[in-house]
Amino acid sequence: MRDLSQIVKAYDVRGVVPDQLDADTARALGAAFVRVTGAEAIVVGRDMRPSSPELSGAFAEGAAAQGADVTLIGLASTDELYFASGSLDLPGAMFTASHNPARYNGIKMCRAGAAPIGQDSGLADIRALAEAGVPDFAGTPGTIGEHDVLADYAAHLLGLVDLTGIRPLKVVVDAGNGMGGHTVPTVLGAASGLPLEIVPLYFELDGSFPNHEANPLDPKNLVDLQAKVRESGADLGLAFDGDADRCFVVDEHGDPVSPSAVTALVAVREIARAKADGEAKPIVIHNLITSRAVPEIVAEHGGEAVRTRVGHSFIKGEMAKTGAIFGGEHSAHYYFRDFWRADTGMLAAIHVLAALGGQDRPLSEFASAYDRYPASGEINSEVVDQAVATARVRAAFADRPGVAVDDLDGMTVVADRWWFNLRASNTEPLLRLNVEADDEPTMIAIRDEVLALVRD
């Protein structure tokens, strides 16, 4: 009996190849995926990692052996796989380990219509069945075919946001040798006919990530993009992670634009569009470590902001429950009702381009309206006992006048002029701290006080 406890995570499968994830395991997971979803047909995509062709092929074999017809869409970004799942109304599997190092691979799975699969929505059942062994299928095996959806994906995105009338923009794009190098040329490149000059960085698909990790949330991975933006006199820069479902933005000076500011910017545009279509009070989802500028700006533009826990399953679940038009996370994941409530960094980038190109100010000036408060960014502390460290912080802050504490996700402490959230990692002995305040000195003071308690 297999033990998949080390590779089946809360939202996906991820492990070292071939020690933890090999073709036989992928084949078993493919068979279990079909049994649990009851699918008669599925779609499968893969990233540029050297192990992805073999693993995705084995998954397809396992699925077909259970009677499902498999459509291989080949090289794809994760949001391109979501597009295939949504537009074809089929369950899907994407072979990627996102920004993890080259020795890793993994699988992100969804039901038809790009509905998420996580521990509580089928992933635990898939793991249990793959571990026990899937019984042989008595019927006719399914077929395995190929279908390229990249052009349809590009057309769908560009049909949601009109870029044809914007002013010309020079855009540096750092694909990090990941799947942005595959999707950006079709969506935004010369073939699109858009008034965009794309300056490519690391578009060569290379799962060994020879230039830098494909994780744009780590500042060291933005250095090359920032330098190229300044050197080329570009209007902005975009950085995609390995599977290109996240997008990070820098302005014309190379300074990062906070994902919270991008969330607020896109929210304003989506609220306006929904109100024009007759929605009285469009709903926008944001997680609890997003800047408080987001709910403020949403309210100012006639929308309603709903706060959730961190994590895509919570965002997508709340969007489904409330009918929200858009959701944003501070990790640069952006979710759209018009994209099957799935996350797509490319559509968020298109919104930024449309907003910037629809007026004359530089991005630094334009984005400042959405970035109101100094923030610490996420700070990780390795601690032996997360609960004890959190209790120390709670004891120090809970009884202060004017302070409120909630436990929606970790511990959030809120005062008039500042707030912070302290959350334990699910997979590592870490506590994650995010602090925001009305001014820099207050933010620094709260940050340092909490870190001293955490690291005591």
Protein backbone atom coordinates (compact mmCIF):
# COMPACT_ATOMS: atom_id res chain seq x y z
CA MET A 1 0.00 0.00 0.00
CA ARG A 2 1.33 3.42 -0.96
CA ASP A 3 1.81 6.17 1.62
CA LEU A 4 1.03 9.53 -0.01
CA SER A 5 0.86 11.51 3.23
CA GLN A 6 4.03 13.44 2.41
CA ILE A 7 2.91 14.66 -1.01
CA VAL A 8 -0.85 15.21 -0.75
CA LYS A 9 -1.11 18.71 0.66
CA ALA A 10 -4.12 20.83 1.62
CA TYR A 11 -4.83 21.98 -1.95
CA ASP A 12 -2.68 19.90 -4.28
CA VAL A 13 -0.11 17.16 -4.71
CA ARG A 14 3.55 18.15 -4.50
CA GLY A 15 6.73 16.15 -3.99
CA VAL A 16 10.28 15.33 -5.05
CA VAL A 17 10.63 13.38 -8.32
CA PRO A 18 11.08 10.42 -8.45
CA ASP A 19 11.52 9.69 -4.72
CA GLN A 20 8.04 10.81 -3.71
CA LEU A 21 6.24 11.26 -7.03
CA ASP A 22 6.89 8.91 -9.94
CA ALA A 23 5.00 7.60 -12.96
CA ASP A 24 3.37 4.73 -11.05
CA THR A 25 2.08 7.13 -8.39
CA ALA A 26 0.82 9.53 -11.06
CA ARG A 27 -0.94 6.63 -12.80
CA ALA A 28 -2.66 5.62 -9.55
CA LEU A 29 -3.69 9.22 -8.89
CA GLY A 30 -5.13 9.50 -12.41
CA ALA A 31 -7.25 6.42 -11.85
CA ALA A 32 -8.39 7.64 -8.43
CA PHE A 33 -9.19 11.08 -9.84
CA VAL A 34 -11.61 9.59 -12.34
CA ARG A 35 -13.25 7.33 -9.74
CA VAL A 36 -13.76 10.16 -7.23
CA THR A 37 -15.00 12.74 -9.76
CA GLY A 38 -17.06 10.25 -11.74
CA ALA A 39 -15.68 11.86 -14.89
CA GLU A 40 -16.31 10.41 -18.33
CA ALA A 41 -13.76 12.85 -19.79
CA ILE A 42 -10.97 15.03 -18.35
CA VAL A 43 -8.35 17.57 -19.47
CA VAL A 44 -4.68 17.44 -18.48
CA GLY A 45 -2.02 20.16 -18.80
CA ARG A 46 1.65 20.34 -17.86
CA ASP A 47 4.40 22.85 -17.21
CA MET A 48 7.96 22.90 -18.54
CA ARG A 49 9.60 20.72 -15.85
CA PRO A 50 11.58 17.80 -17.31
CA SER A 51 9.44 15.30 -15.40
CA SER A 52 6.09 16.75 -16.49
CA PRO A 53 5.65 14.87 -19.82
CA GLU A 54 6.17 11.45 -18.22
CA LEU A 55 4.06 12.19 -15.13
CA SER A 56 1.15 13.76 -17.02
CA GLY A 57 1.23 10.91 -19.54
CA ALA A 58 1.08 8.32 -16.75
CA PHE A 59 -1.82 10.19 -15.10
CA ALA A 60 -3.65 10.14 -18.43
CA GLU A 61 -3.05 6.39 -18.74
CA GLY A 62 -4.48 5.80 -15.28
CA ALA A 63 -7.52 7.94 -16.09
CA ALA A 64 -8.13 6.25 -19.45
CA ALA A 65 -7.83 2.81 -17.86
CA GLN A 66 -10.86 3.80 -15.76
CA GLY A 67 -12.91 4.60 -18.87
CA ALA A 68 -12.36 8.36 -19.12
CA ASP A 69 -11.50 10.09 -22.39
CA VAL A 70 -8.45 12.28 -21.80
CA THR A 71 -7.64 15.50 -23.64
CA LEU A 72 -3.98 16.50 -23.28
CA ILE A 73 -3.57 20.25 -23.77
CA GLY A 74 0.22 20.00 -23.55
CA LEU A 75 2.32 22.88 -22.27
CA ALA A 76 0.07 25.28 -20.38
CA SER A 77 -0.13 27.73 -17.52
CA THR A 78 -2.30 26.69 -14.60
CA ASP A 79 -4.92 29.26 -15.48
CA GLU A 80 -4.90 27.94 -19.07
CA LEU A 81 -5.81 24.54 -17.61
CA TYR A 82 -8.60 26.23 -15.63
CA PHE A 83 -9.78 27.80 -18.89
CA ALA A 84 -9.88 24.36 -20.51
CA SER A 85 -11.76 22.92 -17.54
CA GLY A 86 -14.22 25.81 -17.55
CA SER A 87 -14.82 26.16 -21.27
CA LEU A 88 -15.06 22.39 -21.90
CA ASP A 89 -16.89 21.78 -18.60
CA LEU A 90 -14.55 18.93 -17.68
CA PRO A 91 -12.52 18.02 -14.59
CA GLY A 92 -8.87 18.90 -15.02
CA ALA A 93 -5.37 18.18 -13.73
CA MET A 94 -2.35 20.43 -14.09
CA PHE A 95 1.15 19.02 -13.61
CA THR A 96 3.26 21.70 -11.94
CA ALA A 97 5.07 22.48 -8.71
CA SER A 98 4.57 26.21 -9.28
CA HIS A 99 7.62 28.03 -7.88
CA ASN A 100 9.18 25.02 -6.12
CA PRO A 101 12.73 23.99 -7.12
CA ALA A 102 13.37 21.86 -10.20
CA ARG A 103 13.47 18.52 -8.37
CA TYR A 104 9.78 18.92 -7.42
CA ASN A 105 6.62 18.33 -9.38
CA GLY A 106 2.97 18.15 -8.46
CA ILE A 107 -0.67 18.15 -9.52
CA LYS A 108 -3.36 20.79 -9.15
CA MET A 109 -6.79 19.25 -9.69
CA CYS A 110 -10.25 20.69 -10.28
CA ARG A 111 -13.75 19.49 -11.02
CA ALA A 112 -15.68 20.52 -14.11
CA GLY A 113 -15.98 24.28 -14.46
CA ALA A 114 -12.62 24.74 -12.66
CA ALA A 115 -14.25 24.08 -9.26
CA PRO A 116 -11.47 23.51 -6.72
CA ILE A 117 -10.46 20.14 -5.31
CA GLY A 118 -8.86 20.28 -1.86
CA GLN A 119 -8.67 18.09 1.23
CA ASP A 120 -12.32 18.68 2.08
CA SER A 121 -13.61 18.52 -1.49
CA GLY A 122 -12.23 15.28 -2.86
CA LEU A 123 -8.44 15.31 -2.48
CA ALA A 124 -8.46 13.19 0.68
CA ASP A 125 -10.65 10.63 -1.12
CA ILE A 126 -8.34 10.62 -4.14
CA ARG A 127 -5.36 10.02 -1.86
CA ALA A 128 -7.08 7.19 0.03
CA LEU A 129 -8.11 5.42 -3.16
CA ALA A 130 -4.69 5.81 -4.79
CA GLU A 131 -3.03 4.46 -1.64
CA ALA A 132 -5.33 1.43 -1.41
CA GLY A 133 -5.24 0.69 -5.14
CA VAL A 134 -7.98 1.46 -7.62
CA PRO A 135 -9.98 -1.59 -8.70
CA ASP A 136 -9.78 -2.55 -12.37
CA PHE A 137 -12.42 -1.03 -14.62
CA ALA A 138 -14.66 -3.58 -16.32
CA GLY A 139 -15.78 -1.36 -19.21
CA THR A 140 -14.09 0.00 -22.33
CA PRO A 141 -10.94 2.06 -21.69
CA GLY A 142 -11.06 5.73 -22.59
CA THR A 143 -9.13 7.44 -25.35
CA ILE A 144 -6.18 9.83 -25.07
CA GLY A 145 -6.05 12.74 -27.53
CA GLU A 146 -4.49 16.18 -27.84
CA HIS A 147 -6.00 19.65 -28.21
CA ASP A 148 -4.21 23.01 -28.02
CA VAL A 149 -6.34 25.65 -26.27
CA LEU A 150 -3.81 28.49 -26.08
CA ALA A 151 -5.40 30.64 -28.81
CA ASP A 152 -8.87 30.16 -27.32
CA TYR A 153 -7.53 31.03 -23.85
CA ALA A 154 -6.01 34.26 -25.19
CA ALA A 155 -9.20 35.19 -27.03
CA HIS A 156 -11.30 34.61 -23.93
CA LEU A 157 -9.13 36.84 -21.75
CA LEU A 158 -8.93 39.63 -24.32
CA GLY A 159 -12.69 39.40 -24.74
CA LEU A 160 -13.12 40.27 -21.05
CA VAL A 161 -10.93 43.42 -21.10
CA ASP A 162 -10.52 45.65 -24.14
CA LEU A 163 -6.90 46.72 -24.67
CA THR A 164 -7.28 47.95 -28.24
CA GLY A 165 -7.82 51.61 -27.34
CA ILE A 166 -5.06 52.08 -24.75
CA ARG A 167 -2.01 54.28 -25.29
CA PRO A 168 1.16 52.47 -26.37
CA LEU A 169 2.96 50.83 -23.45
CA LYS A 170 6.39 49.27 -23.11
CA VAL A 171 6.15 46.27 -20.81
CA VAL A 172 9.02 44.18 -19.47
CA VAL A 173 7.85 40.65 -18.66
CA ASP A 174 9.96 38.28 -16.54
CA ALA A 175 8.64 34.76 -17.09
CA GLY A 176 11.29 33.22 -14.84
CA ASN A 177 11.80 30.43 -17.44
CA GLY A 178 8.27 29.34 -16.54
CA MET A 179 4.99 29.09 -18.38
CA GLY A 180 4.60 32.85 -18.86
CA GLY A 181 7.15 32.39 -21.64
CA HIS A 182 4.59 30.18 -23.37
CA THR A 183 1.42 32.23 -22.79
CA VAL A 184 2.54 35.87 -22.90
CA PRO A 185 3.61 35.91 -26.59
CA THR A 186 0.15 34.71 -27.66
CA VAL A 187 -1.91 36.84 -25.26
CA LEU A 188 0.09 40.09 -25.29
CA GLY A 189 2.79 39.72 -27.95
CA ALA A 190 3.05 41.14 -31.47
CA ALA A 191 0.61 38.58 -32.85
CA SER A 192 -2.13 40.05 -30.65
CA GLY A 193 -2.01 43.35 -32.56
CA LEU A 194 -2.21 45.30 -29.30
CA PRO A 195 -0.35 48.61 -28.70
CA LEU A 196 2.17 46.84 -26.46
CA GLU A 197 5.91 46.51 -26.81
CA ILE A 198 6.85 43.40 -24.84
CA VAL A 199 10.45 43.23 -23.61
CA PRO A 200 10.99 39.54 -22.72
CA LEU A 201 13.10 38.29 -19.83
CA TYR A 202 13.73 34.56 -19.42
CA PHE A 203 11.01 33.37 -21.80
CA GLU A 204 12.95 30.16 -22.55
CA LEU A 205 11.05 27.25 -20.97
CA ASP A 206 13.51 25.66 -18.56
CA GLY A 207 12.37 23.72 -15.52
CA SER A 208 15.83 23.97 -13.96
CA PHE A 209 15.22 27.73 -13.43
CA PRO A 210 18.75 28.79 -14.42
CA ASN A 211 18.29 32.53 -13.78
CA HIS A 212 16.30 32.77 -10.55
CA GLU A 213 13.48 31.03 -8.71
CA ALA A 214 10.13 31.59 -10.39
CA ASN A 215 8.66 33.09 -7.22
CA PRO A 216 8.02 36.83 -7.65
CA LEU A 217 6.96 37.34 -4.03
CA ASP A 218 10.61 36.97 -2.96
CA PRO A 219 12.26 40.37 -3.60
CA LYS A 220 15.53 38.83 -4.81
CA ASN A 221 13.67 37.34 -7.78
CA LEU A 222 12.53 40.79 -8.94
CA VAL A 223 16.00 42.32 -9.21
CA ASP A 224 16.51 41.52 -12.90
CA LEU A 225 13.03 42.76 -13.81
CA GLN A 226 13.52 45.99 -11.90
CA ALA A 227 16.85 46.66 -13.58
CA LYS A 228 15.44 45.94 -17.05
CA VAL A 229 12.45 48.26 -16.50
CA ARG A 230 14.74 51.13 -15.54
CA GLU A 231 17.29 50.39 -18.27
CA SER A 232 14.70 50.14 -21.05
CA GLY A 233 12.51 53.06 -19.91
CA ALA A 234 9.51 50.76 -19.72
CA ASP A 235 6.13 51.83 -18.39
CA LEU A 236 5.92 48.83 -16.07
CA GLY A 237 7.14 45.31 -15.45
CA LEU A 238 5.28 42.04 -14.91
CA ALA A 239 6.69 38.94 -13.20
CA PHE A 240 4.99 35.55 -13.39
CA ASP A 241 5.63 32.54 -11.19
CA GLY A 242 6.53 29.10 -12.56
CA ASP A 243 3.04 28.02 -13.60
CA ALA A 244 2.05 31.62 -14.42
CA ASP A 245 -1.08 31.74 -12.29
CA ARG A 246 0.36 34.58 -10.17
CA CYS A 247 1.48 37.96 -11.48
CA PHE A 248 3.52 40.61 -9.69
CA VAL A 249 3.74 44.22 -10.91
CA VAL A 250 6.52 46.84 -10.71
CA ASP A 251 6.17 50.47 -11.75
CA GLU A 252 8.30 52.53 -14.14
CA HIS A 253 10.92 53.04 -11.41
CA GLY A 254 11.11 49.30 -10.77
CA ASP A 255 9.33 49.69 -7.42
CA PRO A 256 6.90 46.89 -6.54
CA VAL A 257 3.19 47.64 -6.68
CA SER A 258 1.61 45.89 -3.71
CA PRO A 259 -0.70 42.99 -4.61
CA SER A 260 -3.22 44.67 -2.30
CA ALA A 261 -3.04 47.78 -4.50
CA VAL A 262 -3.55 45.60 -7.58
CA THR A 263 -6.52 43.97 -5.84
CA ALA A 264 -8.06 47.37 -5.16
CA LEU A 265 -7.37 48.63 -8.70
CA VAL A 266 -8.96 45.58 -10.32
CA ALA A 267 -11.85 45.64 -7.84
CA VAL A 268 -12.73 49.21 -8.83
CA ARG A 269 -12.83 48.23 -12.51
CA GLU A 270 -14.90 45.11 -11.89
CA ILE A 271 -17.33 46.98 -9.61
CA ALA A 272 -17.87 49.63 -12.28
CA ARG A 273 -18.53 46.96 -14.91
CA ALA A 274 -20.94 45.04 -12.68
CA LYS A 275 -22.83 48.20 -11.71
CA ALA A 276 -23.13 49.12 -15.39
CA ASP A 277 -24.74 45.69 -15.87
CA GLY A 278 -27.25 46.44 -13.14
CA GLU A 279 -25.74 44.91 -9.99
CA ALA A 280 -26.65 47.17 -7.07
CA LYS A 281 -23.78 46.28 -4.71
CA PRO A 282 -21.17 44.00 -6.27
CA ILE A 283 -19.23 41.84 -3.81
CA VAL A 284 -15.42 41.62 -3.70
CA ILE A 285 -13.59 38.99 -1.64
CA HIS A 286 -10.27 39.69 0.07
CA ASN A 287 -8.28 37.64 2.54
CA LEU A 288 -7.51 38.89 6.02
CA ILE A 289 -3.89 39.88 5.37
CA THR A 290 -4.86 42.15 2.48
CA SER A 291 -4.45 45.87 3.15
CA ARG A 292 -7.43 47.56 4.81
CA ALA A 293 -7.27 49.96 1.86
CA VAL A 294 -9.02 47.21 -0.13
CA PRO A 295 -12.33 47.13 1.79
CA GLU A 296 -12.21 50.94 2.11
CA ILE A 297 -11.85 51.43 -1.65
CA VAL A 298 -14.44 48.76 -2.43
CA ALA A 299 -16.95 50.58 -0.19
CA GLU A 300 -16.07 53.98 -1.67
CA HIS A 301 -16.95 52.66 -5.13
CA GLY A 302 -20.28 51.17 -4.10
CA GLY A 303 -19.21 47.58 -3.58
CA GLU A 304 -19.30 45.26 -0.59
CA ALA A 305 -16.08 43.70 0.72
CA VAL A 306 -16.13 40.23 2.31
CA ARG A 307 -13.14 39.05 4.36
CA THR A 308 -11.95 35.42 4.27
CA ARG A 309 -9.17 33.17 5.47
CA VAL A 310 -5.97 32.87 3.44
CA GLY A 311 -6.09 30.19 0.74
CA HIS A 312 -7.70 29.69 -2.64
CA SER A 313 -10.32 27.20 -1.44
CA PHE A 314 -11.71 29.76 1.00
CA ILE A 315 -11.72 32.53 -1.60
CA LYS A 316 -13.38 30.35 -4.24
CA GLY A 317 -15.88 28.98 -1.74
CA GLU A 318 -16.90 32.44 -0.59
CA MET A 319 -17.17 33.65 -4.19
CA ALA A 320 -19.50 30.77 -4.99
CA LYS A 321 -21.61 31.43 -1.90
CA THR A 322 -21.91 35.20 -2.36
CA GLY A 323 -21.79 35.55 -6.15
CA ALA A 324 -18.75 37.83 -5.79
CA ILE A 325 -17.39 39.37 -8.96
CA PHE A 326 -13.71 39.30 -7.94
CA GLY A 327 -11.36 38.15 -5.21
CA GLY A 328 -7.78 39.06 -4.38
CA GLU A 329 -5.06 37.72 -2.11
CA HIS A 330 -1.90 39.45 -0.94
CA SER A 331 0.06 36.56 -2.46
CA ALA A 332 -0.83 37.92 -5.94
CA HIS A 333 -3.57 35.40 -6.67
CA TYR A 334 -6.56 37.07 -8.36
CA TYR A 335 -9.93 35.37 -8.88
CA PHE A 336 -12.64 36.35 -11.37
CA ARG A 337 -16.29 35.36 -11.60
CA ASP A 338 -15.96 35.63 -15.38
CA PHE A 339 -13.14 33.07 -15.24
CA TRP A 340 -15.09 30.36 -13.43
CA ARG A 341 -14.06 31.92 -10.07
CA ALA A 342 -10.54 30.60 -10.75
CA ASP A 343 -7.33 32.55 -10.29
CA THR A 344 -5.55 34.03 -13.28
CA GLY A 345 -2.56 36.32 -13.04
CA MET A 346 -2.80 37.05 -16.75
CA LEU A 347 -6.27 38.58 -16.49
CA ALA A 348 -5.16 40.71 -13.55
CA ALA A 349 -2.19 41.90 -15.63
CA ILE A 350 -4.52 42.78 -18.51
CA HIS A 351 -6.63 44.87 -16.12
CA VAL A 352 -3.51 46.74 -14.97
CA LEU A 353 -2.50 47.39 -18.57
CA ALA A 354 -6.00 48.63 -19.42
CA ALA A 355 -6.14 50.92 -16.38
CA LEU A 356 -2.66 52.35 -16.96
CA GLY A 357 -3.09 52.69 -20.71
CA GLY A 358 -6.47 54.37 -20.34
CA GLN A 359 -4.96 57.50 -18.78
CA ASP A 360 -1.71 59.48 -19.02
CA ARG A 361 -0.11 59.27 -15.57
CA PRO A 362 2.82 56.94 -14.86
CA LEU A 363 2.06 53.81 -12.88
CA SER A 364 3.81 55.04 -9.73
CA GLU A 365 1.46 58.00 -9.53
CA PHE A 366 -1.62 56.12 -10.71
CA ALA A 367 -1.17 53.20 -8.28
CA SER A 368 -0.49 55.41 -5.25
CA ALA A 369 -4.23 56.01 -4.85
CA TYR A 370 -4.66 52.30 -4.09
CA ASP A 371 -1.70 51.95 -1.70
CA ARG A 372 -2.58 53.90 1.43
CA TYR A 373 -0.78 52.33 4.39
CA PRO A 374 2.77 51.24 5.25
CA ALA A 375 3.00 47.46 5.62
CA SER A 376 5.65 45.05 6.85
CA GLY A 377 5.12 42.40 4.22
CA GLU A 378 5.02 38.80 5.41
CA ILE A 379 7.78 38.02 7.93
CA ASN A 380 8.47 34.39 8.80
CA SER A 381 9.90 33.32 12.16
CA GLU A 382 11.02 29.79 12.91
CA VAL A 383 9.71 28.80 16.34
CA VAL A 384 9.78 25.57 18.29
CA ASP A 385 6.22 25.89 19.63
CA GLN A 386 3.88 28.01 17.53
CA ALA A 387 1.04 27.88 20.06
CA VAL A 388 3.19 29.05 22.97
CA ALA A 389 4.64 31.94 20.96
CA THR A 390 1.17 32.98 19.79
CA ALA A 391 -0.10 32.87 23.38
CA ARG A 392 2.69 35.25 24.45
CA VAL A 393 1.60 37.73 21.79
CA ARG A 394 -2.08 37.36 22.72
CA ALA A 395 -1.32 37.99 26.41
CA ALA A 396 0.62 41.14 25.55
CA PHE A 397 -2.07 42.71 23.33
CA ALA A 398 -5.52 41.30 24.18
CA ASP A 399 -6.29 43.56 27.15
CA ARG A 400 -5.08 46.83 25.68
CA PRO A 401 -7.76 49.54 25.41
CA GLY A 402 -9.33 49.82 21.96
CA VAL A 403 -7.87 46.51 20.76
CA ALA A 404 -9.97 43.70 19.24
CA VAL A 405 -8.77 40.15 18.60
CA ASP A 406 -10.27 37.59 16.21
CA ASP A 407 -9.26 34.06 15.29
CA LEU A 408 -10.59 33.69 11.76
CA ASP A 409 -7.16 32.58 10.52
CA GLY A 410 -4.45 32.57 13.14
CA MET A 411 -4.75 35.63 15.36
CA THR A 412 -5.63 39.10 14.07
CA VAL A 413 -5.22 42.06 16.41
CA VAL A 414 -6.89 45.32 15.35
CA ALA A 415 -6.60 48.85 16.78
CA ASP A 416 -7.64 52.23 15.36
CA ARG A 417 -4.32 52.99 13.68
CA TRP A 418 -2.80 49.56 13.10
CA TRP A 419 -3.45 45.83 12.79
CA PHE A 420 -1.43 42.65 12.58
CA ASN A 421 -2.05 39.00 11.81
CA LEU A 422 -0.01 36.12 13.16
CA ARG A 423 -0.57 32.74 11.47
CA ALA A 424 1.08 29.36 11.82
CA SER A 425 2.34 27.61 8.71
CA ASN A 426 0.54 24.34 7.94
CA THR A 427 3.70 22.65 6.72
CA GLU A 428 6.69 24.25 8.49
CA PRO A 429 7.59 25.31 12.06
CA LEU A 430 6.98 28.95 11.15
CA LEU A 431 4.85 31.83 12.34
CA ARG A 432 3.94 34.36 9.64
CA LEU A 433 3.49 37.99 10.65
CA ASN A 434 1.83 40.78 8.64
CA VAL A 435 1.59 44.31 10.08
CA GLU A 436 -0.03 47.45 8.68
CA ALA A 437 -0.41 50.92 10.21
CA ASP A 438 -1.35 54.49 9.41
CA ASP A 439 2.31 55.54 9.39
CA GLU A 440 5.74 53.96 9.08
CA PRO A 441 6.96 54.56 12.69
CA THR A 442 3.84 52.91 14.14
CA MET A 443 4.12 49.96 11.77
CA ILE A 444 7.78 49.46 12.69
CA ALA A 445 7.06 49.73 16.42
CA ILE A 446 4.26 47.14 16.33
CA ARG A 447 6.29 44.87 14.04
CA ASP A 448 9.31 44.90 16.30
CA GLU A 449 7.24 44.40 19.46
CA VAL A 450 5.48 41.36 18.04
CA LEU A 451 8.67 39.84 16.62
CA ALA A 452 10.40 40.21 19.98
CA LEU A 453 7.58 38.27 21.63
CA VAL A 454 7.50 35.62 18.90
CA ARG A 455 11.25 35.07 18.97
CA ASP A 456 11.64 35.26 22.75
